[in-house]
N, C-alpha and C. Protein backbone atom coordinates (compact mmCIF):
# COMPACT_ATOMS: atom_id res chain seq x y z
N MET A 1 -3.36 42.55 -15.78
CA MET A 1 -4.13 41.56 -15.09
C MET A 1 -3.28 40.99 -13.95
N VAL A 2 -3.88 40.79 -12.82
CA VAL A 2 -3.21 40.26 -11.65
C VAL A 2 -3.99 39.06 -11.15
N ALA A 3 -3.25 38.04 -10.75
CA ALA A 3 -3.90 36.85 -10.20
C ALA A 3 -3.16 36.44 -8.93
N ARG A 4 -3.88 35.89 -8.01
CA ARG A 4 -3.28 35.39 -6.78
C ARG A 4 -3.62 33.91 -6.68
N ALA A 5 -2.62 33.11 -6.38
CA ALA A 5 -2.84 31.67 -6.27
C ALA A 5 -2.25 31.17 -4.96
N PHE A 6 -2.90 30.19 -4.39
CA PHE A 6 -2.39 29.52 -3.19
C PHE A 6 -2.13 28.08 -3.56
N ILE A 7 -0.93 27.64 -3.32
CA ILE A 7 -0.55 26.26 -3.63
C ILE A 7 -0.22 25.56 -2.33
N ARG A 8 -0.88 24.48 -2.09
CA ARG A 8 -0.62 23.70 -0.87
C ARG A 8 0.47 22.69 -1.18
N LEU A 9 1.56 22.78 -0.43
CA LEU A 9 2.67 21.85 -0.60
C LEU A 9 2.64 20.83 0.52
N SER A 10 2.92 19.60 0.19
CA SER A 10 2.98 18.58 1.23
C SER A 10 4.31 18.72 1.96
N PRO A 11 4.34 18.34 3.23
CA PRO A 11 5.60 18.44 3.98
C PRO A 11 6.64 17.50 3.39
N LEU A 12 7.89 17.90 3.51
CA LEU A 12 8.98 17.08 3.01
C LEU A 12 9.09 15.81 3.84
N GLN A 13 9.29 14.70 3.17
CA GLN A 13 9.45 13.45 3.88
C GLN A 13 10.73 12.79 3.39
N GLY A 14 11.50 12.30 4.32
CA GLY A 14 12.76 11.66 3.99
C GLY A 14 13.74 11.85 5.12
N LEU A 15 14.97 11.49 4.87
CA LEU A 15 16.02 11.61 5.86
C LEU A 15 17.11 12.52 5.33
N ALA A 16 17.48 13.52 6.11
CA ALA A 16 18.56 14.43 5.72
C ALA A 16 19.89 13.83 6.16
N ILE A 17 20.81 13.70 5.21
CA ILE A 17 22.13 13.14 5.50
C ILE A 17 23.20 14.08 4.94
N PRO A 18 24.44 13.96 5.42
CA PRO A 18 25.50 14.78 4.83
C PRO A 18 25.69 14.45 3.35
N LYS A 19 25.80 15.47 2.53
CA LYS A 19 25.97 15.26 1.10
C LYS A 19 27.23 14.46 0.80
N ALA A 20 28.24 14.58 1.66
CA ALA A 20 29.50 13.86 1.48
C ALA A 20 29.33 12.35 1.58
N ALA A 21 28.21 11.87 2.14
CA ALA A 21 27.97 10.43 2.27
C ALA A 21 27.47 9.82 0.97
N VAL A 22 27.07 10.65 0.02
CA VAL A 22 26.47 10.16 -1.23
C VAL A 22 27.54 9.98 -2.30
N ARG A 23 27.46 8.87 -3.02
CA ARG A 23 28.35 8.58 -4.16
C ARG A 23 27.47 8.40 -5.39
N TRP A 24 28.07 8.57 -6.56
CA TRP A 24 27.36 8.37 -7.82
C TRP A 24 28.15 7.42 -8.69
N GLU A 25 27.43 6.57 -9.39
CA GLU A 25 28.06 5.61 -10.29
C GLU A 25 27.07 5.31 -11.41
N GLY A 26 27.48 5.54 -12.64
CA GLY A 26 26.60 5.28 -13.76
C GLY A 26 25.31 6.08 -13.71
N GLY A 27 25.38 7.29 -13.17
CA GLY A 27 24.20 8.14 -13.08
C GLY A 27 23.27 7.81 -11.92
N GLU A 28 23.63 6.84 -11.10
CA GLU A 28 22.81 6.44 -9.96
C GLU A 28 23.49 6.87 -8.66
N SER A 29 22.69 7.31 -7.70
CA SER A 29 23.24 7.70 -6.40
C SER A 29 23.10 6.54 -5.41
N PHE A 30 24.07 6.46 -4.49
CA PHE A 30 24.02 5.42 -3.46
C PHE A 30 24.78 5.89 -2.23
N VAL A 31 24.53 5.20 -1.14
CA VAL A 31 25.28 5.39 0.10
C VAL A 31 25.78 4.02 0.53
N PHE A 32 26.70 4.02 1.47
CA PHE A 32 27.13 2.77 2.08
C PHE A 32 26.50 2.68 3.45
N ILE A 33 25.67 1.66 3.65
CA ILE A 33 25.14 1.42 4.99
C ILE A 33 26.14 0.54 5.72
N ILE A 34 26.16 0.65 7.02
CA ILE A 34 27.06 -0.15 7.85
C ILE A 34 26.20 -1.17 8.59
N LYS A 35 26.49 -2.44 8.32
CA LYS A 35 25.72 -3.51 8.94
C LYS A 35 26.66 -4.65 9.29
N GLU A 36 26.62 -5.05 10.55
CA GLU A 36 27.43 -6.15 11.06
C GLU A 36 28.92 -5.95 10.74
N GLY A 37 29.39 -4.71 10.89
CA GLY A 37 30.80 -4.41 10.72
C GLY A 37 31.29 -4.34 9.28
N LYS A 38 30.36 -4.30 8.33
CA LYS A 38 30.74 -4.22 6.93
C LYS A 38 29.95 -3.12 6.22
N ALA A 39 30.53 -2.61 5.14
CA ALA A 39 29.88 -1.58 4.33
C ALA A 39 29.15 -2.22 3.17
N TRP A 40 27.90 -1.84 2.99
CA TRP A 40 27.07 -2.39 1.91
C TRP A 40 26.48 -1.24 1.10
N LYS A 41 26.60 -1.35 -0.21
CA LYS A 41 26.10 -0.32 -1.13
C LYS A 41 24.57 -0.34 -1.16
N ARG A 42 23.96 0.84 -1.06
CA ARG A 42 22.51 0.94 -1.07
C ARG A 42 22.08 2.06 -2.01
N PRO A 43 21.38 1.75 -3.10
CA PRO A 43 20.87 2.80 -3.99
C PRO A 43 19.87 3.69 -3.24
N VAL A 44 19.92 4.99 -3.51
CA VAL A 44 19.00 5.93 -2.87
C VAL A 44 18.46 6.90 -3.91
N VAL A 45 17.28 7.42 -3.63
CA VAL A 45 16.67 8.47 -4.45
C VAL A 45 16.76 9.75 -3.63
N LEU A 46 17.34 10.78 -4.24
CA LEU A 46 17.59 12.03 -3.54
C LEU A 46 16.54 13.08 -3.85
N GLY A 47 16.35 13.97 -2.90
CA GLY A 47 15.43 15.09 -3.08
C GLY A 47 16.20 16.40 -2.99
N LEU A 48 15.68 17.33 -2.23
CA LEU A 48 16.29 18.65 -2.09
C LEU A 48 17.63 18.58 -1.38
N GLU A 49 18.47 19.55 -1.68
CA GLU A 49 19.75 19.67 -0.98
C GLU A 49 20.01 21.12 -0.63
N ASP A 50 20.83 21.33 0.38
CA ASP A 50 21.12 22.70 0.79
C ASP A 50 22.62 23.02 0.76
N GLY A 51 23.38 22.26 0.03
CA GLY A 51 24.82 22.48 -0.05
C GLY A 51 25.60 21.50 0.80
N GLU A 52 25.20 21.32 2.05
CA GLU A 52 25.90 20.39 2.94
C GLU A 52 25.10 19.12 3.22
N ARG A 53 23.80 19.21 3.09
CA ARG A 53 22.94 18.06 3.38
C ARG A 53 22.01 17.80 2.20
N VAL A 54 21.58 16.56 2.09
CA VAL A 54 20.67 16.18 1.01
C VAL A 54 19.57 15.31 1.61
N LEU A 55 18.39 15.40 1.05
CA LEU A 55 17.25 14.64 1.53
C LEU A 55 17.17 13.32 0.76
N VAL A 56 17.18 12.21 1.48
CA VAL A 56 17.00 10.88 0.88
C VAL A 56 15.52 10.57 0.99
N ILE A 57 14.84 10.47 -0.17
CA ILE A 57 13.40 10.24 -0.14
C ILE A 57 13.03 8.77 -0.34
N ARG A 58 14.00 7.97 -0.75
CA ARG A 58 13.75 6.54 -0.89
C ARG A 58 15.07 5.78 -0.82
N GLY A 59 15.08 4.64 -0.11
CA GLY A 59 16.24 3.77 -0.10
C GLY A 59 16.96 3.68 1.23
N LEU A 60 16.55 4.51 2.19
CA LEU A 60 17.22 4.50 3.48
C LEU A 60 16.17 4.60 4.58
N GLU A 61 16.33 3.77 5.59
CA GLU A 61 15.38 3.76 6.71
C GLU A 61 15.97 4.50 7.91
N GLU A 62 15.11 5.13 8.67
CA GLU A 62 15.54 5.82 9.88
C GLU A 62 16.24 4.82 10.81
N GLY A 63 17.37 5.22 11.35
CA GLY A 63 18.11 4.37 12.27
C GLY A 63 19.22 3.56 11.62
N GLU A 64 19.23 3.46 10.30
CA GLU A 64 20.31 2.74 9.63
C GLU A 64 21.58 3.59 9.68
N GLY A 65 22.69 2.96 9.97
CA GLY A 65 23.96 3.66 10.01
C GLY A 65 24.54 3.77 8.60
N ILE A 66 25.09 4.92 8.27
CA ILE A 66 25.71 5.10 6.97
C ILE A 66 27.13 5.62 7.15
N ALA A 67 27.98 5.34 6.18
CA ALA A 67 29.34 5.87 6.18
C ALA A 67 29.30 7.33 5.77
N VAL A 68 30.01 8.17 6.50
CA VAL A 68 30.05 9.60 6.17
C VAL A 68 31.47 10.10 5.95
N THR A 69 32.48 9.29 6.27
CA THR A 69 33.87 9.66 6.02
C THR A 69 34.55 8.55 5.23
N ASN A 70 35.56 8.91 4.47
CA ASN A 70 36.32 7.96 3.65
C ASN A 70 35.43 7.16 2.71
N VAL A 71 34.34 7.74 2.30
CA VAL A 71 33.36 7.05 1.46
C VAL A 71 33.97 6.63 0.12
N GLY A 72 34.86 7.44 -0.42
CA GLY A 72 35.48 7.14 -1.70
C GLY A 72 36.35 5.90 -1.68
N ALA A 73 36.81 5.50 -0.49
CA ALA A 73 37.68 4.33 -0.37
C ALA A 73 36.90 3.05 -0.10
N LEU A 74 35.60 3.15 0.14
CA LEU A 74 34.81 1.96 0.49
C LEU A 74 34.44 1.13 -0.72
N ARG A 75 34.32 -0.16 -0.49
CA ARG A 75 33.85 -1.11 -1.50
C ARG A 75 32.83 -2.03 -0.83
N GLU A 76 31.96 -2.61 -1.61
CA GLU A 76 30.92 -3.51 -1.12
C GLU A 76 31.53 -4.65 -0.27
N GLY A 77 31.05 -4.80 0.96
CA GLY A 77 31.45 -5.89 1.83
C GLY A 77 32.75 -5.68 2.60
N ILE A 78 33.38 -4.51 2.44
CA ILE A 78 34.63 -4.25 3.14
C ILE A 78 34.36 -4.07 4.64
N ALA A 79 35.27 -4.59 5.47
CA ALA A 79 35.11 -4.45 6.91
C ALA A 79 35.38 -3.00 7.31
N VAL A 80 34.54 -2.49 8.21
CA VAL A 80 34.69 -1.11 8.71
C VAL A 80 34.53 -1.10 10.22
N GLU A 81 35.05 -0.06 10.82
CA GLU A 81 34.88 0.13 12.25
C GLU A 81 33.88 1.27 12.43
N GLU A 82 32.81 0.97 13.12
CA GLU A 82 31.73 1.95 13.28
C GLU A 82 31.96 2.83 14.49
N GLU A 83 31.79 4.13 14.29
CA GLU A 83 31.84 5.10 15.38
C GLU A 83 30.46 5.68 15.56
N ARG A 84 30.08 5.93 16.78
CA ARG A 84 28.77 6.53 17.03
C ARG A 84 28.92 7.83 17.75
């Protein structure tokens, strides 16, 4: 017996960011957003990944700056210098 099915998939929605920007703590994923010269922890919900990038489907808005280097050394409220 042979069957053919068509499945309609909705387009992916979210923001693709470098996987290196994501940290995990207690089973929860988060990133550090950069706001007013300081790093702030922001929980995120992740979707698909391709090895180098991961899709953030909830918790991050387009245009928000995130830390992508030295992420392991950051702490909530620490002063940072932003590069663009």
